[in-house]
PDB file of N, CA and C in Angstrom:
ATOM      1  N   MET A   1       0.838  -1.177   0.000  1.00  0.00           N
ATOM      2  CA  MET A   1       0.000   0.000   0.000  1.00  0.00           C
ATOM      3  C   MET A   1       0.885   1.242   0.000  1.00  0.00           C
ATOM      4  N   LYS A   2       0.613   2.148  -0.899  1.00  0.00           N
ATOM      5  CA  LYS A   2       1.415   3.352  -1.057  1.00  0.00           C
ATOM      6  C   LYS A   2       0.927   4.455  -0.135  1.00  0.00           C
ATOM      7  N   LYS A   3       1.859   5.081   0.573  1.00  0.00           N
ATOM      8  CA  LYS A   3       1.497   6.209   1.437  1.00  0.00           C
ATOM      9  C   LYS A   3       1.506   7.484   0.625  1.00  0.00           C
ATOM     10  N   SER A   4       0.551   8.340   0.872  1.00  0.00           N
ATOM     11  CA  SER A   4       0.544   9.633   0.206  1.00  0.00           C
ATOM     12  C   SER A   4       1.279  10.647   1.078  1.00  0.00           C
ATOM     13  N   VAL A   5       1.980  11.532   0.440  1.00  0.00           N
ATOM     14  CA  VAL A   5       2.739  12.552   1.149  1.00  0.00           C
ATOM     15  C   VAL A   5       1.902  13.818   1.226  1.00  0.00           C
ATOM     16  N   ALA A   6       1.727  14.305   2.433  1.00  0.00           N
ATOM     17  CA  ALA A   6       0.964  15.539   2.623  1.00  0.00           C
ATOM     18  C   ALA A   6       1.709  16.706   1.991  1.00  0.00           C
ATOM     19  N   ALA A   7       0.989  17.737   1.628  1.00  0.00           N
ATOM     20  CA  ALA A   7       1.591  18.896   0.977  1.00  0.00           C
ATOM     21  C   ALA A   7       2.663  19.546   1.844  1.00  0.00           C
ATOM     22  N   SER A   8       2.471  19.510   3.157  1.00  0.00           N
ATOM     23  CA  SER A   8       3.439  20.129   4.060  1.00  0.00           C
ATOM     24  C   SER A   8       4.663  19.239   4.297  1.00  0.00           C
ATOM     25  N   GLU A   9       4.626  18.001   3.835  1.00  0.00           N
ATOM     26  CA  GLU A   9       5.721  17.063   4.048  1.00  0.00           C
ATOM     27  C   GLU A   9       6.448  16.755   2.745  1.00  0.00           C
ATOM     28  N   LYS A  10       6.696  17.763   1.943  1.00  0.00           N
ATOM     29  CA  LYS A  10       7.391  17.550   0.683  1.00  0.00           C
ATOM     30  C   LYS A  10       8.822  17.106   0.962  1.00  0.00           C
ATOM     31  N   PRO A  11       9.310  16.122   0.208  1.00  0.00           N
ATOM     32  CA  PRO A  11      10.689  15.676   0.431  1.00  0.00           C
ATOM     33  C   PRO A  11      11.681  16.778   0.091  1.00  0.00           C
ATOM     34  N   VAL A  12      12.781  16.805   0.843  1.00  0.00           N
ATOM     35  CA  VAL A  12      13.815  17.806   0.615  1.00  0.00           C
ATOM     36  C   VAL A  12      14.660  17.357  -0.565  1.00  0.00           C
ATOM     37  N   LYS A  13      14.870  18.251  -1.507  1.00  0.00           N
ATOM     38  CA  LYS A  13      15.670  17.925  -2.678  1.00  0.00           C
ATOM     39  C   LYS A  13      17.150  17.965  -2.307  1.00  0.00           C
ATOM     40  N   ALA A  14      17.859  16.914  -2.639  1.00  0.00           N
ATOM     41  CA  ALA A  14      19.288  16.836  -2.343  1.00  0.00           C
ATOM     42  C   ALA A  14      20.064  17.751  -3.287  1.00  0.00           C
ATOM     43  N   LYS A  15      21.140  18.316  -2.758  1.00  0.00           N
ATOM     44  CA  LYS A  15      22.005  19.135  -3.590  1.00  0.00           C
ATOM     45  C   LYS A  15      22.725  18.242  -4.591  1.00  0.00           C
ATOM     46  N   GLU A  16      23.028  18.819  -5.731  1.00  0.00           N
ATOM     47  CA  GLU A  16      23.790  18.076  -6.723  1.00  0.00           C
ATOM     48  C   GLU A  16      25.240  17.984  -6.270  1.00  0.00           C
ATOM     49  N   PHE A  17      25.862  16.845  -6.494  1.00  0.00           N
ATOM     50  CA  PHE A  17      27.244  16.630  -6.096  1.00  0.00           C
ATOM     51  C   PHE A  17      28.172  17.333  -7.076  1.00  0.00           C
ATOM     52  N   ASP A  18      29.040  18.187  -6.562  1.00  0.00           N
ATOM     53  CA  ASP A  18      30.010  18.913  -7.375  1.00  0.00           C
ATOM     54  C   ASP A  18      31.363  18.225  -7.249  1.00  0.00           C
ATOM     55  N   LYS A  19      31.717  17.450  -8.259  1.00  0.00           N
ATOM     56  CA  LYS A  19      32.934  16.648  -8.230  1.00  0.00           C
ATOM     57  C   LYS A  19      34.188  17.505  -8.086  1.00  0.00           C
ATOM     58  N   GLU A  20      34.259  18.596  -8.820  1.00  0.00           N
ATOM     59  CA  GLU A  20      35.445  19.456  -8.761  1.00  0.00           C
ATOM     60  C   GLU A  20      35.600  20.107  -7.383  1.00  0.00           C
ATOM     61  N   LEU A  21      34.507  20.525  -6.794  1.00  0.00           N
ATOM     62  CA  LEU A  21      34.549  21.096  -5.455  1.00  0.00           C
ATOM     63  C   LEU A  21      35.021  20.061  -4.437  1.00  0.00           C
ATOM     64  N   PHE A  22      34.560  18.829  -4.593  1.00  0.00           N
ATOM     65  CA  PHE A  22      34.979  17.759  -3.696  1.00  0.00           C
ATOM     66  C   PHE A  22      36.480  17.485  -3.838  1.00  0.00           C
ATOM     67  N   LYS A  23      36.971  17.453  -5.068  1.00  0.00           N
ATOM     68  CA  LYS A  23      38.402  17.231  -5.289  1.00  0.00           C
ATOM     69  C   LYS A  23      39.234  18.351  -4.674  1.00  0.00           C
ATOM     70  N   ARG A  24      38.767  19.586  -4.827  1.00  0.00           N
ATOM     71  CA  ARG A  24      39.492  20.715  -4.219  1.00  0.00           C
ATOM     72  C   ARG A  24      39.476  20.612  -2.703  1.00  0.00           C
ATOM     73  N   SER A  25      38.378  20.133  -2.143  1.00  0.00           N
ATOM     74  CA  SER A  25      38.275  19.962  -0.701  1.00  0.00           C
ATOM     75  C   SER A  25      39.276  18.910  -0.206  1.00  0.00           C
ATOM     76  N   VAL A  26      39.393  17.805  -0.938  1.00  0.00           N
ATOM     77  CA  VAL A  26      40.361  16.763  -0.570  1.00  0.00           C
ATOM     78  C   VAL A  26      41.782  17.313  -0.666  1.00  0.00           C
ATOM     79  N   GLU A  27      42.088  18.018  -1.740  1.00  0.00           N
ATOM     80  CA  GLU A  27      43.419  18.612  -1.900  1.00  0.00           C
ATOM     81  C   GLU A  27      43.717  19.605  -0.783  1.00  0.00           C
ATOM     82  N   TYR A  28      42.731  20.406  -0.431  1.00  0.00           N
ATOM     83  CA  TYR A  28      42.896  21.366   0.666  1.00  0.00           C
ATOM     84  C   TYR A  28      43.171  20.643   1.983  1.00  0.00           C
ATOM     85  N   ASN A  29      42.431  19.566   2.238  1.00  0.00           N
ATOM     86  CA  ASN A  29      42.632  18.810   3.472  1.00  0.00           C
ATOM     87  C   ASN A  29      44.029  18.198   3.536  1.00  0.00           C
ATOM     88  N   VAL A  30      44.501  17.646   2.427  1.00  0.00           N
ATOM     89  CA  VAL A  30      45.864  17.081   2.406  1.00  0.00           C
ATOM     90  C   VAL A  30      46.881  18.183   2.685  1.00  0.00           C
ATOM     91  N   ARG A  31      46.670  19.322   2.065  1.00  0.00           N
ATOM     92  CA  ARG A  31      47.605  20.445   2.233  1.00  0.00           C
ATOM     93  C   ARG A  31      47.610  20.963   3.672  1.00  0.00           C
ATOM     94  N   THR A  32      46.449  21.108   4.271  1.00  0.00           N
ATOM     95  CA  THR A  32      46.397  21.686   5.619  1.00  0.00           C
ATOM     96  C   THR A  32      46.703  20.672   6.717  1.00  0.00           C
ATOM     97  N   LEU A  33      46.336  19.404   6.511  1.00  0.00           N
ATOM     98  CA  LEU A  33      46.585  18.388   7.534  1.00  0.00           C
ATOM     99  C   LEU A  33      48.026  17.892   7.523  1.00  0.00           C
ATOM    100  N   TYR A  34      48.594  17.735   6.320  1.00  0.00           N
ATOM    101  CA  TYR A  34      49.893  17.072   6.205  1.00  0.00           C
ATOM    102  C   TYR A  34      50.972  17.911   5.531  1.00  0.00           C
ATOM    103  N   ARG A  35      50.621  19.117   5.083  1.00  0.00           N
ATOM    104  CA  ARG A  35      51.572  20.000   4.399  1.00  0.00           C
ATOM    105  C   ARG A  35      52.214  19.306   3.200  1.00  0.00           C
ATOM    106  N   LYS A  36      51.380  18.592   2.427  1.00  0.00           N
ATOM    107  CA  LYS A  36      51.822  17.869   1.236  1.00  0.00           C
ATOM    108  C   LYS A  36      50.821  18.111   0.117  1.00  0.00           C
ATOM    109  N   ASN A  37      51.231  17.794  -1.121  1.00  0.00           N
ATOM    110  CA  ASN A  37      50.248  17.780  -2.198  1.00  0.00           C
ATOM    111  C   ASN A  37      49.806  16.334  -2.402  1.00  0.00           C
ATOM    112  N   LEU A  38      48.843  16.106  -3.276  1.00  0.00           N
ATOM    113  CA  LEU A  38      48.296  14.759  -3.446  1.00  0.00           C
ATOM    114  C   LEU A  38      49.348  13.739  -3.894  1.00  0.00           C
ATOM    115  N   GLU A  39      50.293  14.163  -4.713  1.00  0.00           N
ATOM    116  CA  GLU A  39      51.320  13.251  -5.206  1.00  0.00           C
ATOM    117  C   GLU A  39      52.256  12.799  -4.081  1.00  0.00           C
ATOM    118  N   GLU A  40      52.462  13.636  -3.080  1.00  0.00           N
ATOM    119  CA  GLU A  40      53.363  13.308  -1.972  1.00  0.00           C
ATOM    120  C   GLU A  40      52.665  12.530  -0.849  1.00  0.00           C
ATOM    121  N   ALA A  41      51.355  12.626  -0.759  1.00  0.00           N
ATOM    122  CA  ALA A  41      50.604  11.996   0.336  1.00  0.00           C
ATOM    123  C   ALA A  41      50.515  10.489   0.123  1.00  0.00           C
ATOM    124  N   ASP A  42      50.578   9.746   1.232  1.00  0.00           N
ATOM    125  CA  ASP A  42      50.414   8.296   1.130  1.00  0.00           C
ATOM    126  C   ASP A  42      48.920   7.954   1.176  1.00  0.00           C
ATOM    127  N   ALA A  43      48.620   6.671   1.018  1.00  0.00           N
ATOM    128  CA  ALA A  43      47.216   6.231   0.927  1.00  0.00           C
ATOM    129  C   ALA A  43      46.428   6.561   2.190  1.00  0.00           C
ATOM    130  N   GLN A  44      47.027   6.397   3.356  1.00  0.00           N
ATOM    131  CA  GLN A  44      46.331   6.688   4.617  1.00  0.00           C
ATOM    132  C   GLN A  44      46.002   8.171   4.731  1.00  0.00           C
ATOM    133  N   GLN A  45      46.916   9.032   4.334  1.00  0.00           N
ATOM    134  CA  GLN A  45      46.684  10.481   4.392  1.00  0.00           C
ATOM    135  C   GLN A  45      45.586  10.901   3.425  1.00  0.00           C
ATOM    136  N   ILE A  46      45.569  10.319   2.237  1.00  0.00           N
ATOM    137  CA  ILE A  46      44.506  10.625   1.270  1.00  0.00           C
ATOM    138  C   ILE A  46      43.162  10.124   1.793  1.00  0.00           C
ATOM    139  N   PHE A  47      43.164   8.927   2.375  1.00  0.00           N
ATOM    140  CA  PHE A  47      41.930   8.390   2.963  1.00  0.00           C
ATOM    141  C   PHE A  47      41.394   9.337   4.032  1.00  0.00           C
ATOM    142  N   GLN A  48      42.273   9.821   4.893  1.00  0.00           N
ATOM    143  CA  GLN A  48      41.852  10.730   5.966  1.00  0.00           C
ATOM    144  C   GLN A  48      41.308  12.032   5.382  1.00  0.00           C
ATOM    145  N   ALA A  49      41.964  12.559   4.350  1.00  0.00           N
ATOM    146  CA  ALA A  49      41.512  13.795   3.715  1.00  0.00           C
ATOM    147  C   ALA A  49      40.144  13.622   3.068  1.00  0.00           C
ATOM    148  N   VAL A  50      39.920  12.475   2.427  1.00  0.00           N
ATOM    149  CA  VAL A  50      38.616  12.183   1.823  1.00  0.00           C
ATOM    150  C   VAL A  50      37.557  12.065   2.921  1.00  0.00           C
ATOM    151  N   SER A  51      37.909  11.409   4.018  1.00  0.00           N
ATOM    152  CA  SER A  51      36.971  11.261   5.132  1.00  0.00           C
ATOM    153  C   SER A  51      36.540  12.609   5.684  1.00  0.00           C
ATOM    154  N   TYR A  52      37.487  13.521   5.841  1.00  0.00           N
ATOM    155  CA  TYR A  52      37.147  14.863   6.327  1.00  0.00           C
ATOM    156  C   TYR A  52      36.275  15.617   5.316  1.00  0.00           C
ATOM    157  N   ALA A  53      36.547  15.446   4.031  1.00  0.00           N
ATOM    158  CA  ALA A  53      35.734  16.114   3.011  1.00  0.00           C
ATOM    159  C   ALA A  53      34.294  15.603   3.048  1.00  0.00           C
ATOM    160  N   ILE A  54      34.125  14.301   3.236  1.00  0.00           N
ATOM    161  CA  ILE A  54      32.782  13.724   3.331  1.00  0.00           C
ATOM    162  C   ILE A  54      32.084  14.223   4.586  1.00  0.00           C
ATOM    163  N   LYS A  55      32.815  14.230   5.707  1.00  0.00           N
ATOM    164  CA  LYS A  55      32.235  14.722   6.966  1.00  0.00           C
ATOM    165  C   LYS A  55      31.778  16.171   6.811  1.00  0.00           C
ATOM    166  N   ASP A  56      32.605  16.997   6.174  1.00  0.00           N
ATOM    167  CA  ASP A  56      32.235  18.402   5.978  1.00  0.00           C
ATOM    168  C   ASP A  56      30.962  18.524   5.153  1.00  0.00           C
ATOM    169  N   ARG A  57      30.829  17.716   4.118  1.00  0.00           N
ATOM    170  CA  ARG A  57      29.635  17.751   3.271  1.00  0.00           C
ATOM    171  C   ARG A  57      28.391  17.345   4.070  1.00  0.00           C
ATOM    172  N   ILE A  58      28.521  16.309   4.899  1.00  0.00           N
ATOM    173  CA  ILE A  58      27.393  15.851   5.718  1.00  0.00           C
ATOM    174  C   ILE A  58      26.984  16.937   6.711  1.00  0.00           C
ATOM    175  N   VAL A  59      27.955  17.558   7.351  1.00  0.00           N
ATOM    176  CA  VAL A  59      27.659  18.604   8.333  1.00  0.00           C
ATOM    177  C   VAL A  59      26.991  19.800   7.650  1.00  0.00           C
ATOM    178  N   GLU A  60      27.488  20.195   6.477  1.00  0.00           N
ATOM    179  CA  GLU A  60      26.868  21.314   5.739  1.00  0.00           C
ATOM    180  C   GLU A  60      25.400  21.014   5.453  1.00  0.00           C
ATOM    181  N   ASN A  61      25.126  19.812   4.974  1.00  0.00           N
ATOM    182  CA  ASN A  61      23.742  19.439   4.672  1.00  0.00           C
ATOM    183  C   ASN A  61      22.900  19.392   5.934  1.00  0.00           C
ATOM    184  N   TRP A  62      23.461  18.855   7.003  1.00  0.00           N
ATOM    185  CA  TRP A  62      22.723  18.740   8.256  1.00  0.00           C
ATOM    186  C   TRP A  62      22.395  20.115   8.831  1.00  0.00           C
ATOM    187  N   MET A  63      23.319  21.062   8.700  1.00  0.00           N
ATOM    188  CA  MET A  63      23.103  22.402   9.245  1.00  0.00           C
ATOM    189  C   MET A  63      21.983  23.140   8.516  1.00  0.00           C
ATOM    190  N   GLU A  64      21.657  22.723   7.304  1.00  0.00           N
ATOM    191  CA  GLU A  64      20.587  23.379   6.546  1.00  0.00           C
ATOM    192  C   GLU A  64      19.203  22.869   6.937  1.00  0.00           C
ATOM    193  N   ILE A  65      19.124  21.802   7.725  1.00  0.00           N
ATOM    194  CA  ILE A  65      17.838  21.265   8.163  1.00  0.00           C
ATOM    195  C   ILE A  65      17.309  22.149   9.283  1.00  0.00           C
ATOM    196  N   PRO A  66      16.037  22.534   9.210  1.00  0.00           N
ATOM    197  CA  PRO A  66      15.473  23.347  10.295  1.00  0.00           C
ATOM    198  C   PRO A  66      15.575  22.632  11.638  1.00  0.00           C
ATOM    199  N   ARG A  67      15.925  23.347  12.655  1.00  0.00           N
ATOM    200  CA  ARG A  67      16.148  22.767  13.982  1.00  0.00           C
ATOM    201  C   ARG A  67      14.914  22.094  14.570  1.00  0.00           C
ATOM    202  N   TRP A  68      13.742  22.580  14.264  1.00  0.00           N
ATOM    203  CA  TRP A  68      12.539  21.986  14.837  1.00  0.00           C
ATOM    204  C   TRP A  68      12.340  20.554  14.369  1.00  0.00           C
ATOM    205  N   SER A  69      12.967  20.159  13.274  1.00  0.00           N
ATOM    206  CA  SER A  69      12.769  18.795  12.785  1.00  0.00           C
ATOM    207  C   SER A  69      13.840  17.832  13.289  1.00  0.00           C
ATOM    208  N   THR A  70      14.817  18.333  14.042  1.00  0.00           N
ATOM    209  CA  THR A  70      15.893  17.462  14.514  1.00  0.00           C
ATOM    210  C   THR A  70      16.063  17.590  16.033  1.00  0.00           C
ATOM    211  N   THR A  71      14.959  17.736  16.746  1.00  0.00           N
ATOM    212  CA  THR A  71      15.019  17.861  18.189  1.00  0.00           C
ATOM    213  C   THR A  71      15.422  16.527  18.807  1.00  0.00           C
ATOM    214  N   CYS A  72      16.414  16.571  19.643  1.00  0.00           N
ATOM    215  CA  CYS A  72      16.887  15.382  20.342  1.00  0.00           C
ATOM    216  C   CYS A  72      15.923  15.074  21.480  1.00  0.00           C
ATOM    217  N   PRO A  73      15.363  13.865  21.540  1.00  0.00           N
ATOM    218  CA  PRO A  73      14.349  13.562  22.553  1.00  0.00           C
ATOM    219  C   PRO A  73      14.881  13.586  23.982  1.00  0.00           C
ATOM    220  N   TRP A  74      16.145  13.377  24.183  1.00  0.00           N
ATOM    221  CA  TRP A  74      16.678  13.339  25.553  1.00  0.00           C
ATOM    222  C   TRP A  74      17.414  14.603  25.963  1.00  0.00           C
ATOM    223  N   SER A  75      17.439  15.614  25.080  1.00  0.00           N
ATOM    224  CA  SER A  75      18.073  16.886  25.470  1.00  0.00           C
ATOM    225  C   SER A  75      17.060  17.763  26.206  1.00  0.00           C
ATOM    226  N   SER A  76      17.576  18.656  27.022  1.00  0.00           N
ATOM    227  CA  SER A  76      16.664  19.499  27.807  1.00  0.00           C
ATOM    228  C   SER A  76      16.360  20.807  27.137  1.00  0.00           C
TER     229      SER A  76
END
């Protein structure tokens, strides 16, 4: 059975992924975390830089959600 979505509950449209911006973010993270460029960084350092870039993207998206919809049930 299909649920109907109320007019006030429209799904949030996801931002389009910008590949070049993501690559620049990874390069920036390698540069600031390890003072190296991508060619000098080892696999672990690149992995860490990619992880931080993903975390930053998630946090940016999360911060755009209205606070009333993300109330923590156990916070005061």
